[in-house]
Every structure is written in structure tokens, then in C-alpha cells.
Amino acid sequence: MPLHLAEDDTGARAEKSGVMHTAIAPVSVLEARGLVKRYGPLTALDGVDLTVGTGEAVAIMGASGSGKTTLLHCLAAIISPDAGSVRLSTPGEPAQELVGMPDDARSAVRRDRLGFVFQDHLLLPELTALENAALPLLLVGTARAAAEAHAAAWLGALGLNGMENRRIGELSGGQAQRVAIARAQVTGAPVVFADEPTGALDSATSAEVLDALLHATTGQGRSLVVVTHDEDVARRCDRVLRMRDGRIVDGDRSEAAGAATGAGSAPRAGFATGAAGAGGASGIAGAAR
């Protein structure tokens, strides 16, 4: 999908702090039913049901030990639940049941169809920003020149023009997280999972990184599942699910999704136009495979 945020889109749009959301209920891209995960006598997940819509941002909140990270890991095919089903349905691909897949098949799903952003970004310090962002494409056999051109377009779109050749230690925390967002989206992953993506950042940098993350995911019609302790992050998502003792105990539309009328403002200057202006739509159109 091209990295382009249209100012005029079909369907009702809503705005929250510069991020637009559809008011129409989305088609599901990820569906979990009856998830159970135990670690010895501890039940981390106790029959969890969850559906994530296409283009939807879902925040998962809860105290430490509530099961939120275990849920994210099951949804993202990082671990397998002891019982239940996780079904991934993305455009142009056959629906897949992730539970019960062999390890190599789950690895392929994570590589090709899912993106990840972690609290500590988990970038490779010996590589440059450009090399880190291009790595998922290189792993699937994309030619280096094409992979790096695509990664450079994403870095530019995320405000990192001129920083492509810096190593991770030469970047601020917010800049490093933007590299991680570029890496998560460079393959065109239709679903991105973020585990405390702003947890290690100050409030101002957190807001900037969250802007970038939402624009790079839901702003492109992709889905975002984010685990967070931060109420400010949760308010920017379409739905907030709260967990306790391995169960979802509350799930409400957030303030962002509640504003279902009114025209959304244009994206933050430089986000959508940075890549297009630098070689543009052709450099970023479509996910390189």
C-alpha cells in the first residue's frame, strides 16, 4: 500500500489530536477465540475473545501480571496458547489459523505479515538506521538497492531525512523508535503489534512517536494492537481493552473513536509528503516482497 494519507476519504472520518479514524465498524483482520495460556499453576489467559478490525487501533491495558503481554504474544504468533484459536485474515492472502502452526510457519507469518515495535526498539546497534529499517526486506530476498530505497522512503516519511547512515547509538530515543516503526512497516505488514512503544520516552517525545506510529499504521488502513500503561496512548486508540487476572473485563470505544463527526485535519506536515517528495510514490508504493 502506498505511504499516502488522503485528506478526502470515503466514509465518515473523525479526528483526535491530528489522527483520523473511520466511524464505520471495520472488517476483522485478527480474531481470537477462547485463548487459554497457563504457566504451571498460573493462568495467564483465561478464555480470552478478541477481534481487531482492519485499520483499527486497539489498546490493551492492565496491571502487571494481568495477561496483556501474554495476549499480545499469542495474537502475534510469538507463543502458542494452550487452547483457543487465532485467525489472521489479510487482503490478498488466504486466512490462516495461527494456533498449531509449526515453528517455521509461524516465523514466516511474523516475518511477512506482521510488524513489531518494542519499548526498547530492539534495533541492531552495529547497523545504521537505514540498514535496520531495510533488514526485513533483505531477509525475504529483496535486492539491497530496492530494500534500502524503500526503507529510506519510510525513514524520510517519519522525519529522519539525513539520519539514514547514523548508527542507533547516535540517535535519540524517539528517533530510534521511529526507525523501529519504519522497520515494522517496510514490508507493508497489515497488522503491527507494539509493546509499550512509548514507555522509555519523555512525554513530549512519546506524543511525537505515537503520532508517527498511528499515521504509519491506521493512517495507512493498517491495524495496530498496542500494550500500554499510558492512558494518553490509550485515548488515542479506537478501542481500549482492560485486563485483569487473564480476562478482558472492560472494552470501550475511546475518546478518539467517539468523535465520529467532523472533517479531519490534514496530516502533520512532512509525514506523508516526505517520502513522496523525495522519490515518492513509486519508491513507497506497495510492499516489496
Protein backbone atom coordinates (compact mmCIF):
# COMPACT_ATOMS: atom_id res chain seq x y z
CA MET A 1 0.00 0.00 0.00
CA PRO A 2 1.38 3.44 -0.83
CA LEU A 3 2.51 5.67 2.00
CA HIS A 4 -0.12 8.29 1.34
CA LEU A 5 -2.68 9.85 3.64
CA ALA A 6 -5.61 11.25 1.73
CA GLU A 7 -7.23 14.39 3.05
CA ASP A 8 -10.55 13.40 1.46
CA ASP A 9 -11.54 9.79 2.06
CA THR A 10 -14.79 7.94 1.61
CA GLY A 11 -16.87 7.30 4.71
CA ALA A 12 -17.17 9.37 7.86
CA ARG A 13 -13.89 10.41 9.43
CA ALA A 14 -13.07 11.53 12.94
CA GLU A 15 -10.12 13.36 14.40
CA LYS A 16 -8.27 13.10 17.69
CA SER A 17 -5.09 15.12 18.10
CA GLY A 18 -4.46 15.07 14.35
CA VAL A 19 -5.14 11.34 13.81
CA MET A 20 -8.17 10.38 11.75
CA HIS A 21 -10.29 7.27 12.30
CA THR A 22 -13.14 5.72 10.35
CA ALA A 23 -16.53 5.85 12.01
CA ILE A 24 -17.68 2.68 10.26
CA ALA A 25 -17.06 -0.64 12.01
CA PRO A 26 -14.09 -2.28 10.24
CA VAL A 27 -13.87 -5.78 8.83
CA SER A 28 -11.91 -8.05 11.15
CA VAL A 29 -8.27 -8.80 10.35
CA LEU A 30 -7.49 -10.71 13.54
CA GLU A 31 -9.87 -12.88 15.53
CA ALA A 32 -9.07 -14.75 18.75
CA ARG A 33 -11.46 -17.11 20.48
CA GLY A 34 -11.16 -18.88 23.82
CA LEU A 35 -7.46 -18.22 24.38
CA VAL A 36 -6.02 -20.04 27.39
CA LYS A 37 -2.38 -19.91 28.47
CA ARG A 38 -1.00 -21.44 31.65
CA TYR A 39 2.44 -21.37 33.21
CA GLY A 40 2.37 -24.14 35.78
CA PRO A 41 -0.32 -23.22 38.33
CA LEU A 42 -0.64 -19.68 36.95
CA THR A 43 -3.35 -18.98 34.39
CA ALA A 44 -2.09 -16.08 32.29
CA LEU A 45 -5.05 -16.11 29.86
CA ASP A 46 -8.44 -17.43 30.85
CA GLY A 47 -10.69 -17.82 27.81
CA VAL A 48 -10.00 -14.52 26.02
CA ASP A 49 -12.04 -13.49 22.97
CA LEU A 50 -10.91 -10.56 20.84
CA THR A 51 -11.49 -9.19 17.35
CA VAL A 52 -9.34 -6.50 15.70
CA GLY A 53 -10.72 -4.66 12.70
CA THR A 54 -8.89 -3.58 9.56
CA GLY A 55 -7.48 -0.11 10.13
CA GLU A 56 -8.34 -0.18 13.83
CA ALA A 57 -6.09 0.76 16.76
CA VAL A 58 -6.73 -1.33 19.87
CA ALA A 59 -5.06 -0.57 23.22
CA ILE A 60 -4.70 -3.31 25.82
CA MET A 61 -4.24 -2.12 29.39
CA GLY A 62 -3.95 -3.75 32.80
CA ALA A 63 -1.76 -4.09 35.84
CA SER A 64 1.45 -6.10 35.71
CA GLY A 65 0.54 -9.77 35.63
CA SER A 66 -2.91 -9.16 34.17
CA GLY A 67 -2.07 -11.10 30.98
CA LYS A 68 -1.83 -8.26 28.48
CA THR A 69 1.65 -9.06 27.17
CA THR A 70 0.86 -12.78 27.04
CA LEU A 71 -2.22 -11.93 24.98
CA LEU A 72 -0.16 -9.81 22.57
CA HIS A 73 2.38 -12.62 22.19
CA CYS A 74 -0.36 -15.16 21.40
CA LEU A 75 -2.02 -12.84 18.89
CA ALA A 76 1.35 -12.19 17.23
CA ALA A 77 2.28 -15.88 16.92
CA ILE A 78 5.28 -15.39 19.23
CA ILE A 79 3.97 -18.06 21.60
CA SER A 80 1.20 -20.64 21.25
CA PRO A 81 -1.76 -20.72 23.62
CA ASP A 82 -2.69 -23.95 25.38
CA ALA A 83 -6.20 -23.71 23.95
CA GLY A 84 -8.16 -21.47 21.62
CA SER A 85 -7.90 -20.05 18.14
CA VAL A 86 -6.16 -17.07 16.49
CA ARG A 87 -7.17 -16.39 12.89
CA LEU A 88 -5.39 -13.85 10.66
CA SER A 89 -7.27 -12.57 7.60
CA THR A 90 -5.48 -10.01 5.44
CA PRO A 91 -6.28 -8.68 1.95
CA GLY A 92 -4.91 -10.76 -0.88
CA GLU A 93 -3.90 -13.64 1.38
CA PRO A 94 -5.79 -16.76 2.49
CA ALA A 95 -6.99 -16.67 6.10
CA GLN A 96 -4.64 -18.52 8.41
CA GLU A 97 -5.14 -20.26 11.73
CA LEU A 98 -2.01 -19.41 13.73
CA VAL A 99 -2.53 -21.83 16.60
CA GLY A 100 -0.97 -25.20 15.89
CA MET A 101 1.32 -23.94 13.13
CA PRO A 102 4.83 -25.37 13.01
CA ASP A 103 7.51 -23.02 14.29
CA ASP A 104 8.89 -22.30 10.82
CA ALA A 105 5.44 -21.40 9.51
CA ARG A 106 4.80 -19.06 12.45
CA SER A 107 8.17 -17.44 11.82
CA ALA A 108 7.17 -16.83 8.20
CA VAL A 109 3.89 -15.20 9.29
CA ARG A 110 5.73 -12.91 11.70
CA ARG A 111 8.26 -12.01 9.01
CA ASP A 112 5.86 -11.47 6.12
CA ARG A 113 2.52 -10.37 7.58
CA LEU A 114 3.14 -8.81 10.98
CA GLY A 115 5.16 -5.87 12.27
CA PHE A 116 6.58 -5.25 15.74
CA VAL A 117 7.60 -2.21 17.78
CA PHE A 118 9.02 -2.78 21.27
CA GLN A 119 9.69 -0.50 24.23
CA ASP A 120 13.46 -0.74 23.76
CA HIS A 121 13.15 -0.82 19.94
CA LEU A 122 15.42 -3.92 19.67
CA LEU A 123 17.40 -2.47 16.79
CA LEU A 124 20.84 -3.81 15.89
CA PRO A 125 23.41 -1.28 17.17
CA GLU A 126 26.10 -2.29 14.67
CA LEU A 127 23.82 -1.38 11.74
CA THR A 128 22.81 2.06 10.52
CA ALA A 129 19.26 3.36 10.70
CA LEU A 130 18.82 2.57 7.01
CA GLU A 131 20.19 -0.96 7.36
CA ASN A 132 17.94 -1.66 10.35
CA ALA A 133 14.84 -0.44 8.53
CA ALA A 134 15.72 -2.41 5.38
CA LEU A 135 16.51 -5.65 7.22
CA PRO A 136 13.04 -7.29 6.94
CA LEU A 137 13.11 -6.83 3.16
CA LEU A 138 16.63 -8.22 2.90
CA LEU A 139 15.56 -11.28 4.88
CA VAL A 140 12.90 -12.12 2.28
CA GLY A 141 15.32 -11.76 -0.63
CA THR A 142 14.67 -8.21 -1.83
CA ALA A 143 17.63 -6.76 -3.68
CA ARG A 144 19.68 -4.47 -1.44
CA ALA A 145 19.22 -1.37 -3.61
CA ALA A 146 15.44 -1.78 -3.70
CA ALA A 147 15.23 -2.62 0.01
CA GLU A 148 17.27 0.40 1.02
CA ALA A 149 15.35 2.73 -1.29
CA HIS A 150 12.07 1.57 0.24
CA ALA A 151 13.46 1.85 3.78
CA ALA A 152 14.85 5.33 3.05
CA ALA A 153 11.42 6.46 1.89
CA TRP A 154 9.88 5.28 5.17
CA LEU A 155 12.61 6.94 7.23
CA GLY A 156 12.04 10.17 5.35
CA ALA A 157 8.31 9.92 5.87
CA LEU A 158 8.93 9.55 9.60
CA GLY A 159 11.07 12.66 9.79
CA LEU A 160 14.50 11.03 9.67
CA ASN A 161 15.85 12.52 6.45
CA GLY A 162 19.62 12.90 6.72
CA MET A 163 19.91 10.33 9.52
CA GLU A 164 19.95 7.21 7.38
CA ASN A 165 23.64 6.48 7.94
CA ARG A 166 23.67 7.07 11.69
CA ARG A 167 24.11 4.09 13.96
CA ILE A 168 21.48 3.54 16.63
CA GLY A 169 23.73 4.89 19.39
CA GLU A 170 23.88 8.19 17.52
CA LEU A 171 20.09 8.64 17.63
CA SER A 172 17.82 9.89 20.40
CA GLY A 173 15.28 7.50 21.94
CA GLY A 174 12.47 8.99 19.88
CA GLN A 175 14.47 8.79 16.67
CA ALA A 176 15.35 5.15 17.37
CA GLN A 177 11.68 4.33 17.88
CA ARG A 178 10.89 5.91 14.52
CA VAL A 179 13.47 3.61 12.93
CA ALA A 180 11.67 0.71 14.64
CA ILE A 181 8.35 1.92 13.21
CA ALA A 182 9.90 2.07 9.73
CA ARG A 183 11.23 -1.46 10.17
CA ALA A 184 7.76 -2.65 11.27
CA GLN A 185 6.08 -1.17 8.20
CA VAL A 186 8.65 -1.57 5.43
CA THR A 187 7.17 -4.89 4.28
CA GLY A 188 3.64 -3.48 4.25
CA ALA A 189 2.58 -5.56 7.29
CA PRO A 190 -1.20 -5.24 7.67
CA VAL A 191 -1.03 -5.68 11.46
CA VAL A 192 1.50 -4.09 13.80
CA PHE A 193 1.97 -5.06 17.44
CA ALA A 194 3.51 -2.53 19.82
CA ASP A 195 4.56 -3.41 23.39
CA GLU A 196 4.91 -0.24 25.49
CA PRO A 197 6.26 1.70 22.48
CA THR A 198 6.49 4.98 24.45
CA GLY A 199 7.36 3.51 27.84
CA ALA A 200 11.00 4.64 27.81
CA LEU A 201 10.34 8.14 26.43
CA ASP A 202 9.52 11.52 27.95
CA SER A 203 6.02 12.89 27.46
CA ALA A 204 6.82 15.21 24.54
CA THR A 205 8.78 12.54 22.66
CA SER A 206 6.07 9.98 23.46
CA ALA A 207 3.46 12.14 21.76
CA GLU A 208 5.64 12.53 18.66
CA VAL A 209 6.36 8.80 18.45
CA LEU A 210 2.69 7.95 18.91
CA ASP A 211 1.78 10.38 16.12
CA ALA A 212 4.25 8.60 13.85
CA LEU A 213 3.04 5.14 14.86
CA LEU A 214 -0.63 5.91 14.27
CA HIS A 215 0.00 7.65 10.96
CA ALA A 216 2.16 4.74 9.79
CA THR A 217 -0.47 2.14 10.72
CA THR A 218 -4.12 3.20 10.97
CA GLY A 219 -3.36 6.21 8.78
CA GLN A 220 -2.50 3.71 6.01
CA GLY A 221 -5.51 1.45 6.66
CA ARG A 222 -3.45 -1.00 8.70
CA SER A 223 -4.23 -2.31 12.16
CA LEU A 224 -2.42 -1.62 15.43
CA VAL A 225 -2.53 -3.59 18.68
CA VAL A 226 -0.69 -1.77 21.46
CA VAL A 227 0.01 -2.84 25.05
CA THR A 228 0.43 0.20 27.25
CA HIS A 229 0.23 1.57 30.79
CA ASP A 230 -0.18 5.08 29.42
CA GLU A 231 -3.73 6.46 29.43
CA ASP A 232 -2.69 9.14 26.92
CA VAL A 233 -1.68 6.41 24.46
CA ALA A 234 -4.91 4.51 25.07
CA ARG A 235 -7.06 7.59 24.47
CA ARG A 236 -5.59 7.93 21.00
CA CYS A 237 -6.71 4.42 20.01
CA ASP A 238 -10.13 3.39 18.69
CA ARG A 239 -10.79 0.91 21.48
CA VAL A 240 -9.39 0.29 24.94
CA LEU A 241 -9.49 -3.22 26.42
CA ARG A 242 -8.71 -3.61 30.12
CA MET A 243 -7.46 -6.91 31.52
CA ARG A 244 -7.46 -8.43 34.99
CA ASP A 245 -6.49 -11.95 36.02
CA GLY A 246 -6.16 -13.16 32.45
CA ARG A 247 -9.54 -11.87 31.29
CA ILE A 248 -10.81 -8.83 29.40
CA VAL A 249 -13.01 -7.11 31.96
CA ASP A 250 -13.82 -3.92 30.06
CA GLY A 251 -13.74 -2.83 26.44
CA ASP A 252 -14.91 0.61 25.38
CA ARG A 253 -14.63 2.88 22.41
CA SER A 254 -12.04 5.52 23.29
CA GLU A 255 -12.47 9.27 23.11
CA ALA A 256 -10.73 9.24 19.73
CA ALA A 257 -13.28 6.88 18.24
CA GLY A 258 -16.15 8.64 19.96
CA ALA A 259 -15.69 11.76 17.84
CA ALA A 260 -17.47 10.32 14.82
CA THR A 261 -18.31 13.53 13.02
CA GLY A 262 -16.38 16.42 11.55
CA ALA A 263 -13.69 16.67 8.93
CA GLY A 264 -10.23 15.53 9.92
CA SER A 265 -7.32 17.86 9.53
CA ALA A 266 -4.51 17.20 7.12
CA PRO A 267 -1.66 15.02 8.37
CA ARG A 268 1.27 16.61 10.12
CA ALA A 269 3.39 18.44 7.56
CA GLY A 270 6.20 16.32 6.23
CA PHE A 271 4.84 12.94 7.22
CA ALA A 272 3.06 11.87 4.06
CA THR A 273 4.86 14.21 1.75
CA GLY A 274 8.40 13.50 2.85
CA ALA A 275 8.62 10.20 1.01
CA ALA A 276 6.58 11.24 -1.97
CA GLY A 277 8.57 14.39 -2.39
CA ALA A 278 11.83 12.51 -2.28
CA GLY A 279 11.19 9.97 -4.90
CA GLY A 280 7.92 9.44 -3.99
CA ALA A 281 5.01 7.32 -4.55
CA SER A 282 6.97 4.91 -6.69
CA GLY A 283 9.58 4.37 -4.01
CA ILE A 284 7.00 3.53 -1.39
CA ALA A 285 4.14 2.11 -3.39
CA GLY A 286 3.41 -1.44 -2.45
CA ALA A 287 5.21 -3.71 -0.08
CA ALA A 288 8.38 -5.12 -1.52
CA ARG A 289 8.31 -8.86 -1.19
